[in-house]
């Protein structure tokens, strides 16, 4: 689960079914809202600490960037470059703490950096 700097009592969690749940840390056991953000298995989730951004990753070889309300910004399926190789199954995601930069690690031992 990740918290946002401007609303530290709100936590975001994701599950393998592709759902995001938002929780109020002051109230135990009840989520505020649920968003269905992807149809394939979610294998990674990260929230930016300062910007209202989330990223989710899938074993179906994509990274989805979205706002905290679930609005999709972009889906990354291929690495930039001449050959445009498909990204591998996503195993980990992390945002830079202050910059609008994210890193995605995949099971093919490649790390992609997205700005």
C-alpha atoms as a PDB file:
ATOM      1  CA  UNK A   1       0.000   0.000   0.000  1.00  0.00           C
ATOM      2  CA  UNK A   2       1.138   3.524  -0.735  1.00  0.00           C
ATOM      3  CA  UNK A   3       0.177   6.882   0.781  1.00  0.00           C
ATOM      4  CA  UNK A   4       0.186  10.290  -0.889  1.00  0.00           C
ATOM      5  CA  UNK A   5       1.972  13.288   0.638  1.00  0.00           C
ATOM      6  CA  UNK A   6      -1.067  15.590   0.435  1.00  0.00           C
ATOM      7  CA  UNK A   7      -3.507  13.033   1.872  1.00  0.00           C
ATOM      8  CA  UNK A   8      -1.383  10.850   4.168  1.00  0.00           C
ATOM      9  CA  UNK A   9      -4.376   9.100   5.714  1.00  0.00           C
ATOM     10  CA  UNK A  10      -5.439   7.720   2.297  1.00  0.00           C
ATOM     11  CA  UNK A  11      -3.751   4.471   1.317  1.00  0.00           C
ATOM     12  CA  UNK A  12      -3.922   2.730  -2.052  1.00  0.00           C
ATOM     13  CA  UNK A  13      -3.598  -1.026  -2.497  1.00  0.00           C
ATOM     14  CA  UNK A  14      -3.809  -3.264  -5.530  1.00  0.00           C
ATOM     15  CA  UNK A  15      -4.626  -6.918  -5.995  1.00  0.00           C
ATOM     16  CA  UNK A  16      -3.756  -9.499  -8.602  1.00  0.00           C
ATOM     17  CA  UNK A  17      -7.329  -9.313  -9.976  1.00  0.00           C
ATOM     18  CA  UNK A  18      -6.574  -5.785 -11.272  1.00  0.00           C
ATOM     19  CA  UNK A  19      -8.496  -3.797  -8.649  1.00  0.00           C
ATOM     20  CA  UNK A  20      -7.295  -0.768  -6.723  1.00  0.00           C
ATOM     21  CA  UNK A  21      -8.729  -0.041  -3.293  1.00  0.00           C
ATOM     22  CA  UNK A  22      -8.395   3.250  -1.471  1.00  0.00           C
ATOM     23  CA  UNK A  23      -8.474   3.190   2.308  1.00  0.00           C
ATOM     24  CA  UNK A  24      -8.705   5.746   5.070  1.00  0.00           C
ATOM     25  CA  UNK A  25      -6.013   4.705   7.553  1.00  0.00           C
ATOM     26  CA  UNK A  26      -8.078   6.201  10.381  1.00  0.00           C
ATOM     27  CA  UNK A  27     -10.962   3.762   9.742  1.00  0.00           C
ATOM     28  CA  UNK A  28     -10.122   0.074   9.964  1.00  0.00           C
ATOM     29  CA  UNK A  29     -11.479  -2.540   7.607  1.00  0.00           C
ATOM     30  CA  UNK A  30     -13.521  -0.511   5.105  1.00  0.00           C
ATOM     31  CA  UNK A  31     -12.262   0.782   1.768  1.00  0.00           C
ATOM     32  CA  UNK A  32     -13.481   4.179   0.512  1.00  0.00           C
ATOM     33  CA  UNK A  33     -13.613   3.184  -3.129  1.00  0.00           C
ATOM     34  CA  UNK A  34     -12.605   0.456  -5.546  1.00  0.00           C
ATOM     35  CA  UNK A  35     -11.461   0.891  -9.135  1.00  0.00           C
ATOM     36  CA  UNK A  36     -11.127  -1.876 -11.721  1.00  0.00           C
ATOM     37  CA  UNK A  37      -8.043  -0.686 -13.612  1.00  0.00           C
ATOM     38  CA  UNK A  38      -6.935  -3.703 -15.631  1.00  0.00           C
ATOM     39  CA  UNK A  39      -8.318  -7.014 -16.828  1.00  0.00           C
ATOM     40  CA  UNK A  40      -5.094  -8.983 -16.575  1.00  0.00           C
ATOM     41  CA  UNK A  41      -3.229  -9.934 -13.418  1.00  0.00           C
ATOM     42  CA  UNK A  42      -1.640  -6.963 -11.646  1.00  0.00           C
ATOM     43  CA  UNK A  43       1.882  -7.928 -10.610  1.00  0.00           C
ATOM     44  CA  UNK A  44       3.159  -4.527  -9.444  1.00  0.00           C
ATOM     45  CA  UNK A  45       1.774  -1.210  -8.191  1.00  0.00           C
ATOM     46  CA  UNK A  46       3.388   2.082  -7.244  1.00  0.00           C
ATOM     47  CA  UNK A  47       2.038   5.488  -6.208  1.00  0.00           C
ATOM     48  CA  UNK A  48       3.952   8.727  -6.604  1.00  0.00           C
ATOM     49  CA  UNK A  49       4.526  10.428  -3.243  1.00  0.00           C
ATOM     50  CA  UNK A  50       3.838  13.980  -4.458  1.00  0.00           C
ATOM     51  CA  UNK A  51       1.987  13.819  -7.783  1.00  0.00           C
ATOM     52  CA  UNK A  52      -1.457  12.176  -8.101  1.00  0.00           C
ATOM     53  CA  UNK A  53      -0.009   9.343 -10.206  1.00  0.00           C
ATOM     54  CA  UNK A  54      -0.225   5.566 -10.023  1.00  0.00           C
ATOM     55  CA  UNK A  55       1.445   2.888 -12.116  1.00  0.00           C
ATOM     56  CA  UNK A  56       0.431  -0.746 -12.386  1.00  0.00           C
ATOM     57  CA  UNK A  57       2.254  -3.569 -14.108  1.00  0.00           C
ATOM     58  CA  UNK A  58       1.163  -6.897 -15.498  1.00  0.00           C
ATOM     59  CA  UNK A  59       2.579 -10.270 -16.426  1.00  0.00           C
ATOM     60  CA  UNK A  60       0.909  -9.515 -19.792  1.00  0.00           C
ATOM     61  CA  UNK A  61       3.861  -7.213 -20.512  1.00  0.00           C
ATOM     62  CA  UNK A  62       2.634  -3.670 -19.964  1.00  0.00           C
ATOM     63  CA  UNK A  63       2.862  -0.768 -17.535  1.00  0.00           C
ATOM     64  CA  UNK A  64      -0.198   1.438 -17.120  1.00  0.00           C
ATOM     65  CA  UNK A  65       0.140   5.009 -15.848  1.00  0.00           C
ATOM     66  CA  UNK A  66      -2.981   6.632 -14.404  1.00  0.00           C
ATOM     67  CA  UNK A  67      -4.260   9.348 -12.124  1.00  0.00           C
ATOM     68  CA  UNK A  68      -5.457   8.488  -8.611  1.00  0.00           C
ATOM     69  CA  UNK A  69      -9.055   8.640  -9.859  1.00  0.00           C
ATOM     70  CA  UNK A  70      -8.296   5.826 -12.326  1.00  0.00           C
ATOM     71  CA  UNK A  71      -8.116   7.941 -15.502  1.00  0.00           C
ATOM     72  CA  UNK A  72      -5.573   6.310 -17.799  1.00  0.00           C
ATOM     73  CA  UNK A  73      -2.660   8.450 -18.979  1.00  0.00           C
ATOM     74  CA  UNK A  74      -0.562   5.962 -20.932  1.00  0.00           C
ATOM     75  CA  UNK A  75       0.175   2.278 -21.453  1.00  0.00           C
ATOM     76  CA  UNK A  76       3.740   1.207 -22.217  1.00  0.00           C
ATOM     77  CA  UNK A  77       4.104  -2.084 -24.075  1.00  0.00           C
ATOM     78  CA  UNK A  78       7.372  -1.620 -25.978  1.00  0.00           C
ATOM     79  CA  UNK A  79      10.853  -0.302 -25.229  1.00  0.00           C
ATOM     80  CA  UNK A  80      11.915   2.759 -27.210  1.00  0.00           C
ATOM     81  CA  UNK A  81      14.554   2.214 -29.843  1.00  0.00           C
ATOM     82  CA  UNK A  82      15.151   0.836 -33.299  1.00  0.00           C
ATOM     83  CA  UNK A  83      13.759  -2.628 -32.648  1.00  0.00           C
ATOM     84  CA  UNK A  84      10.940  -1.651 -30.288  1.00  0.00           C
ATOM     85  CA  UNK A  85      11.250  -4.826 -28.237  1.00  0.00           C
ATOM     86  CA  UNK A  86       8.216  -5.769 -26.151  1.00  0.00           C
ATOM     87  CA  UNK A  87       8.732  -5.234 -22.410  1.00  0.00           C
ATOM     88  CA  UNK A  88       8.860  -8.385 -20.312  1.00  0.00           C
ATOM     89  CA  UNK A  89       6.381  -9.437 -17.626  1.00  0.00           C
ATOM     90  CA  UNK A  90       6.477  -6.655 -15.023  1.00  0.00           C
ATOM     91  CA  UNK A  91       7.784  -7.691 -11.610  1.00  0.00           C
ATOM     92  CA  UNK A  92       8.379  -4.343  -9.866  1.00  0.00           C
ATOM     93  CA  UNK A  93       7.571  -0.637 -10.162  1.00  0.00           C
ATOM     94  CA  UNK A  94       8.863   2.441  -8.361  1.00  0.00           C
ATOM     95  CA  UNK A  95       8.481   6.196  -8.748  1.00  0.00           C
ATOM     96  CA  UNK A  96      11.242   8.672  -7.997  1.00  0.00           C
ATOM     97  CA  UNK A  97      10.259  10.392  -4.717  1.00  0.00           C
ATOM     98  CA  UNK A  98      10.107  13.918  -6.183  1.00  0.00           C
ATOM     99  CA  UNK A  99      10.548  13.737  -9.976  1.00  0.00           C
ATOM    100  CA  UNK A 100       8.012  12.459 -12.517  1.00  0.00           C
ATOM    101  CA  UNK A 101      10.129   9.421 -13.330  1.00  0.00           C
ATOM    102  CA  UNK A 102       9.263   5.746 -12.879  1.00  0.00           C
ATOM    103  CA  UNK A 103      11.255   2.525 -13.165  1.00  0.00           C
ATOM    104  CA  UNK A 104       9.822  -0.867 -14.098  1.00  0.00           C
ATOM    105  CA  UNK A 105      11.676  -4.128 -13.619  1.00  0.00           C
ATOM    106  CA  UNK A 106      10.634  -7.167 -15.590  1.00  0.00           C
ATOM    107  CA  UNK A 107      11.325 -10.878 -15.370  1.00  0.00           C
ATOM    108  CA  UNK A 108      13.572 -10.713 -18.450  1.00  0.00           C
ATOM    109  CA  UNK A 109      16.154  -8.793 -16.331  1.00  0.00           C
ATOM    110  CA  UNK A 110      15.502  -5.464 -18.089  1.00  0.00           C
ATOM    111  CA  UNK A 111      14.732  -2.237 -16.218  1.00  0.00           C
ATOM    112  CA  UNK A 112      12.847   0.474 -18.074  1.00  0.00           C
ATOM    113  CA  UNK A 113      12.956   4.125 -17.019  1.00  0.00           C
ATOM    114  CA  UNK A 114       9.934   6.272 -17.965  1.00  0.00           C
ATOM    115  CA  UNK A 115       9.672  10.056 -17.770  1.00  0.00           C
END
